[in-house]
C-alpha atoms as a PDB file:
ATOM      1  CA  MET A   1      28.941  25.180  87.045  1.00  0.00           C
ATOM      2  CA  LEU A   2      30.557  24.816  90.495  1.00  0.00           C
ATOM      3  CA  THR A   3      27.434  23.014  91.697  1.00  0.00           C
ATOM      4  CA  LEU A   4      27.739  20.504  88.844  1.00  0.00           C
ATOM      5  CA  TYR A   5      31.379  19.935  89.751  1.00  0.00           C
ATOM      6  CA  LYS A   6      30.430  19.316  93.388  1.00  0.00           C
ATOM      7  CA  ILE A   7      27.772  16.805  92.336  1.00  0.00           C
ATOM      8  CA  PHE A   8      30.282  15.085  90.053  1.00  0.00           C
ATOM      9  CA  THR A   9      32.931  14.834  92.802  1.00  0.00           C
ATOM     10  CA  PHE A  10      30.300  13.526  95.245  1.00  0.00           C
ATOM     11  CA  LEU A  11      29.367  10.735  92.823  1.00  0.00           C
ATOM     12  CA  VAL A  12      32.966   9.833  92.008  1.00  0.00           C
ATOM     13  CA  PHE A  13      33.963   9.826  95.682  1.00  0.00           C
ATOM     14  CA  TYR A  14      31.196   7.451  96.759  1.00  0.00           C
ATOM     15  CA  ILE A  15      31.388   5.188  93.699  1.00  0.00           C
ATOM     16  CA  THR A  16      35.129   4.693  94.237  1.00  0.00           C
ATOM     17  CA  TRP A  17      34.900   4.579  98.058  1.00  0.00           C
ATOM     18  CA  PRO A  18      35.118   0.766  98.399  1.00  0.00           C
ATOM     19  CA  PHE A  19      38.301   0.653  96.287  1.00  0.00           C
ATOM     20  CA  THR A  20      39.968   3.670  97.881  1.00  0.00           C
ATOM     21  CA  PHE A  21      39.080   2.613 101.419  1.00  0.00           C
ATOM     22  CA  TRP A  22      40.267  -0.984 100.889  1.00  0.00           C
ATOM     23  CA  THR A  23      43.484   0.212  99.266  1.00  0.00           C
ATOM     24  CA  ARG A  24      44.073   2.554 102.197  1.00  0.00           C
ATOM     25  CA  LEU A  25      43.543  -0.309 104.667  1.00  0.00           C
ATOM     26  CA  SER A  26      45.961  -2.433 102.643  1.00  0.00           C
ATOM     27  CA  GLY A  27      48.728   0.034 103.498  1.00  0.00           C
ATOM     28  CA  SER A  28      48.833   2.388 100.516  1.00  0.00           C
ATOM     29  CA  ARG A  29      50.265   5.722 101.642  1.00  0.00           C
ATOM     30  CA  LYS A  30      48.950   7.270  98.436  1.00  0.00           C
ATOM     31  CA  TRP A  31      45.322   6.375  99.190  1.00  0.00           C
ATOM     32  CA  HIS A  32      45.791   7.044 102.891  1.00  0.00           C
ATOM     33  CA  ASN A  33      46.677  10.629 101.913  1.00  0.00           C
ATOM     34  CA  ARG A  34      44.103  10.858  99.104  1.00  0.00           C
ATOM     35  CA  LEU A  35      41.412  10.160 101.701  1.00  0.00           C
ATOM     36  CA  GLY A  36      42.785  12.996 103.836  1.00  0.00           C
ATOM     37  CA  PHE A  37      44.781  11.041 106.411  1.00  0.00           C
ATOM     38  CA  PHE A  38      48.182  12.571 107.169  1.00  0.00           C
ATOM     39  CA  ASP A  39      49.032  11.069 110.548  1.00  0.00           C
ATOM     40  CA  HIS A  40      52.670  10.615 109.432  1.00  0.00           C
ATOM     41  CA  PHE A  41      53.157  14.394 109.385  1.00  0.00           C
ATOM     42  CA  LYS A  42      55.139  15.740 112.306  1.00  0.00           C
ATOM     43  CA  LEU A  43      56.319  19.224 113.178  1.00  0.00           C
ATOM     44  CA  ASP A  44      59.908  19.645 114.356  1.00  0.00           C
ATOM     45  CA  ASP A  45      58.788  20.453 117.881  1.00  0.00           C
ATOM     46  CA  ASP A  46      57.878  17.329 119.898  1.00  0.00           C
ATOM     47  CA  ASN A  47      54.587  18.682 121.240  1.00  0.00           C
ATOM     48  CA  GLY A  48      53.349  19.649 117.773  1.00  0.00           C
ATOM     49  CA  LYS A  49      53.402  23.389 118.431  1.00  0.00           C
ATOM     50  CA  THR A  50      55.807  25.730 116.801  1.00  0.00           C
ATOM     51  CA  ASP A  51      56.143  29.457 116.261  1.00  0.00           C
ATOM     52  CA  SER A  52      57.170  29.018 112.646  1.00  0.00           C
ATOM     53  CA  MET A  53      54.959  29.479 109.620  1.00  0.00           C
ATOM     54  CA  LEU A  54      53.791  26.296 107.874  1.00  0.00           C
ATOM     55  CA  ILE A  55      53.543  26.679 104.096  1.00  0.00           C
ATOM     56  CA  TRP A  56      51.906  24.050 101.924  1.00  0.00           C
ATOM     57  CA  LEU A  57      53.493  23.600  98.488  1.00  0.00           C
ATOM     58  CA  HIS A  58      51.667  21.589  95.825  1.00  0.00           C
ATOM     59  CA  ALA A  59      53.009  20.283  92.523  1.00  0.00           C
ATOM     60  CA  SER A  60      51.411  17.770  90.227  1.00  0.00           C
ATOM     61  CA  SER A  61      54.358  15.918  88.716  1.00  0.00           C
ATOM     62  CA  MET A  62      58.118  15.531  88.995  1.00  0.00           C
ATOM     63  CA  GLY A  63      58.816  18.488  86.686  1.00  0.00           C
ATOM     64  CA  GLU A  64      56.695  20.771  88.827  1.00  0.00           C
ATOM     65  CA  VAL A  65      58.360  19.421  91.992  1.00  0.00           C
ATOM     66  CA  ARG A  66      61.666  20.574  90.514  1.00  0.00           C
ATOM     67  CA  VAL A  67      60.266  24.083  90.147  1.00  0.00           C
ATOM     68  CA  LEU A  68      58.803  24.004  93.662  1.00  0.00           C
ATOM     69  CA  SER A  69      62.080  22.782  95.141  1.00  0.00           C
ATOM     70  CA  THR A  70      63.684  25.992  93.892  1.00  0.00           C
ATOM     71  CA  LEU A  71      60.900  28.023  95.514  1.00  0.00           C
ATOM     72  CA  ALA A  72      61.338  26.003  98.726  1.00  0.00           C
ATOM     73  CA  GLU A  73      65.059  26.818  98.790  1.00  0.00           C
ATOM     74  CA  HIS A  74      64.310  30.537  98.415  1.00  0.00           C
ATOM     75  CA  LEU A  75      61.674  30.423 101.161  1.00  0.00           C
ATOM     76  CA  LYS A  76      64.080  28.666 103.539  1.00  0.00           C
ATOM     77  CA  ARG A  77      66.839  31.181 102.742  1.00  0.00           C
ATOM     78  CA  ALA A  78      64.471  34.102 103.327  1.00  0.00           C
ATOM     79  CA  ASP A  79      63.278  32.691 106.682  1.00  0.00           C
ATOM     80  CA  SER A  80      64.969  29.655 108.199  1.00  0.00           C
ATOM     81  CA  THR A  81      62.052  29.074 110.590  1.00  0.00           C
ATOM     82  CA  VAL A  82      59.597  28.412 107.746  1.00  0.00           C
ATOM     83  CA  GLU A  83      58.184  24.865 107.804  1.00  0.00           C
ATOM     84  CA  LEU A  84      57.250  23.342 104.439  1.00  0.00           C
ATOM     85  CA  PHE A  85      54.825  20.566 103.538  1.00  0.00           C
ATOM     86  CA  MET A  86      54.656  19.364  99.935  1.00  0.00           C
ATOM     87  CA  THR A  87      51.883  17.443  98.174  1.00  0.00           C
ATOM     88  CA  VAL A  88      52.038  15.820  94.753  1.00  0.00           C
ATOM     89  CA  MET A  89      49.798  13.865  92.395  1.00  0.00           C
ATOM     90  CA  THR A  90      52.143  11.239  90.925  1.00  0.00           C
ATOM     91  CA  ASP A  91      54.359   8.488  92.312  1.00  0.00           C
ATOM     92  CA  THR A  92      57.436   9.871  90.528  1.00  0.00           C
ATOM     93  CA  GLY A  93      56.644  13.324  91.889  1.00  0.00           C
ATOM     94  CA  PHE A  94      56.413  11.823  95.382  1.00  0.00           C
ATOM     95  CA  GLU A  95      59.766  10.039  95.066  1.00  0.00           C
ATOM     96  CA  TYR A  96      61.482  13.176  93.814  1.00  0.00           C
ATOM     97  CA  ALA A  97      59.834  15.363  96.498  1.00  0.00           C
ATOM     98  CA  CYS A  98      61.107  12.990  99.212  1.00  0.00           C
ATOM     99  CA  LYS A  99      64.644  13.403  97.820  1.00  0.00           C
ATOM    100  CA  VAL A 100      64.556  17.209  97.671  1.00  0.00           C
ATOM    101  CA  THR A 101      62.949  17.669 101.099  1.00  0.00           C
ATOM    102  CA  ASP A 102      65.118  15.067 102.872  1.00  0.00           C
ATOM    103  CA  ASP A 103      62.092  14.212 105.018  1.00  0.00           C
ATOM    104  CA  SER A 104      59.374  11.912 103.706  1.00  0.00           C
ATOM    105  CA  ASN A 105      57.163  13.002 106.632  1.00  0.00           C
ATOM    106  CA  ARG A 106      56.963  16.393 104.920  1.00  0.00           C
ATOM    107  CA  VAL A 107      55.630  14.966 101.655  1.00  0.00           C
ATOM    108  CA  GLY A 108      52.233  13.528 100.795  1.00  0.00           C
ATOM    109  CA  PHE A 109      49.731  12.997  98.030  1.00  0.00           C
ATOM    110  CA  LEU A 110      47.077  15.631  97.408  1.00  0.00           C
ATOM    111  CA  PRO A 111      43.738  14.645  98.976  1.00  0.00           C
ATOM    112  CA  LEU A 112      40.851  13.919  96.646  1.00  0.00           C
ATOM    113  CA  ASP A 113      38.969  17.062  95.675  1.00  0.00           C
ATOM    114  CA  TYR A 114      36.003  16.262  97.909  1.00  0.00           C
ATOM    115  CA  HIS A 115      35.130  18.025 101.159  1.00  0.00           C
ATOM    116  CA  ALA A 116      35.629  15.095 103.611  1.00  0.00           C
ATOM    117  CA  PRO A 117      39.274  14.336 102.667  1.00  0.00           C
ATOM    118  CA  ILE A 118      40.043  18.040 102.347  1.00  0.00           C
ATOM    119  CA  ARG A 119      38.646  18.799 105.826  1.00  0.00           C
ATOM    120  CA  ARG A 120      40.644  15.920 107.360  1.00  0.00           C
ATOM    121  CA  PHE A 121      43.787  17.239 105.669  1.00  0.00           C
ATOM    122  CA  LEU A 122      43.225  20.846 106.766  1.00  0.00           C
ATOM    123  CA  ASP A 123      42.333  19.772 110.319  1.00  0.00           C
ATOM    124  CA  THR A 124      45.520  17.688 110.596  1.00  0.00           C
ATOM    125  CA  ILE A 125      47.961  20.072 109.000  1.00  0.00           C
ATOM    126  CA  LYS A 126      47.463  23.572 110.359  1.00  0.00           C
ATOM    127  CA  LEU A 127      48.561  25.673 107.412  1.00  0.00           C
ATOM    128  CA  ASP A 128      49.470  29.332 107.297  1.00  0.00           C
ATOM    129  CA  ALA A 129      49.637  29.590 103.493  1.00  0.00           C
ATOM    130  CA  ALA A 130      49.309  27.472 100.346  1.00  0.00           C
ATOM    131  CA  VAL A 131      51.301  27.731  97.113  1.00  0.00           C
ATOM    132  CA  PHE A 132      50.222  25.754  94.041  1.00  0.00           C
ATOM    133  CA  ILE A 133      52.458  25.577  90.996  1.00  0.00           C
ATOM    134  CA  GLU A 134      51.263  25.998  87.405  1.00  0.00           C
ATOM    135  CA  THR A 135      47.468  25.928  87.092  1.00  0.00           C
ATOM    136  CA  GLU A 136      46.685  23.183  89.586  1.00  0.00           C
ATOM    137  CA  ILE A 137      43.253  24.493  90.520  1.00  0.00           C
ATOM    138  CA  TRP A 138      41.049  22.095  92.484  1.00  0.00           C
ATOM    139  CA  PRO A 139      37.703  23.854  93.071  1.00  0.00           C
ATOM    140  CA  ASN A 140      36.626  22.098  96.273  1.00  0.00           C
ATOM    141  CA  MET A 141      40.131  22.459  97.732  1.00  0.00           C
ATOM    142  CA  VAL A 142      40.147  26.186  97.027  1.00  0.00           C
ATOM    143  CA  VAL A 143      36.649  26.670  98.492  1.00  0.00           C
ATOM    144  CA  GLU A 144      37.465  24.687 101.676  1.00  0.00           C
ATOM    145  CA  ARG A 145      40.759  26.523 102.047  1.00  0.00           C
ATOM    146  CA  LYS A 146      38.898  29.837 101.880  1.00  0.00           C
ATOM    147  CA  LYS A 147      36.721  28.772 104.830  1.00  0.00           C
ATOM    148  CA  GLY A 148      39.859  28.440 106.941  1.00  0.00           C
ATOM    149  CA  TRP A 149      41.221  31.796 105.765  1.00  0.00           C
ATOM    150  CA  ILE A 150      44.427  30.277 104.451  1.00  0.00           C
ATOM    151  CA  PRO A 151      46.127  32.568 101.907  1.00  0.00           C
ATOM    152  CA  PHE A 152      46.435  30.867  98.522  1.00  0.00           C
ATOM    153  CA  PHE A 153      49.067  31.656  95.898  1.00  0.00           C
ATOM    154  CA  LEU A 154      49.391  30.375  92.357  1.00  0.00           C
ATOM    155  CA  ALA A 155      53.033  30.345  91.267  1.00  0.00           C
ATOM    156  CA  ASN A 156      54.033  30.218  87.616  1.00  0.00           C
ATOM    157  CA  GLY A 157      50.364  30.111  86.605  1.00  0.00           C
ATOM    158  CA  ARG A 158      50.419  30.491  82.868  1.00  0.00           C
ATOM    159  CA  VAL A 159      47.531  29.691  80.577  1.00  0.00           C
ATOM    160  CA  SER A 160      47.861  28.889  76.879  1.00  0.00           C
ATOM    161  CA  LYS A 161      45.433  30.322  74.311  1.00  0.00           C
ATOM    162  CA  LYS A 162      43.798  26.908  74.036  1.00  0.00           C
ATOM    163  CA  GLY A 163      43.512  26.667  77.829  1.00  0.00           C
ATOM    164  CA  ALA A 164      42.119  30.196  78.084  1.00  0.00           C
ATOM    165  CA  GLY A 165      39.349  29.209  75.688  1.00  0.00           C
ATOM    166  CA  ARG A 166      38.412  26.295  77.926  1.00  0.00           C
ATOM    167  CA  TYR A 167      38.490  28.475  81.038  1.00  0.00           C
ATOM    168  CA  THR A 168      35.963  30.873  79.512  1.00  0.00           C
ATOM    169  CA  LEU A 169      33.486  27.970  79.379  1.00  0.00           C
ATOM    170  CA  PHE A 170      33.653  27.818  83.174  1.00  0.00           C
ATOM    171  CA  LYS A 171      33.830  31.566  83.743  1.00  0.00           C
ATOM    172  CA  SER A 172      31.131  31.842  86.420  1.00  0.00           C
ATOM    173  CA  GLY A 173      32.468  28.904  88.458  1.00  0.00           C
ATOM    174  CA  LEU A 174      36.055  30.077  88.188  1.00  0.00           C
ATOM    175  CA  LYS A 175      35.064  33.570  89.269  1.00  0.00           C
ATOM    176  CA  LYS A 176      33.758  32.137  92.563  1.00  0.00           C
ATOM    177  CA  ILE A 177      36.854  29.994  93.046  1.00  0.00           C
ATOM    178  CA  LEU A 178      39.523  32.510  92.108  1.00  0.00           C
ATOM    179  CA  GLY A 179      37.781  35.608  93.406  1.00  0.00           C
END
């Protein structure tokens, strides 16, 4: 099942490439990030090196950003040296994330779930850990993240009975991803 997903994402990525690439060149930050480019991201230290831990937080929409902002506050209180980077899926989530982080350079859109954008993202932003809210599970992202040995946490990951039934259809693929 994971192989079928990879084939599907390959086809979607290359079919939409002309649109996404042109939109990126036209100045869209969303598509710049979706293609894995995060050159706006800067660490607090001028030379780009820091002794702090960089934690990636991902939320899909504005409601999930609200939940993650609470987690971010707790992480900062527990260790003031923690650096946070947040990704979102929606424009409203992005706007709200910029407000709660007070630094738009620390917020971006989640890269497309295809290995090239994911690799660019992971090569640019040297992460120490990743926290996804709810059940935002992107198979290629999880597999690529495993290659870099980045710990992955799923916060508030609840599954309804209806959702659990759908997950059992993809049991073998999910076992590889979540194992």
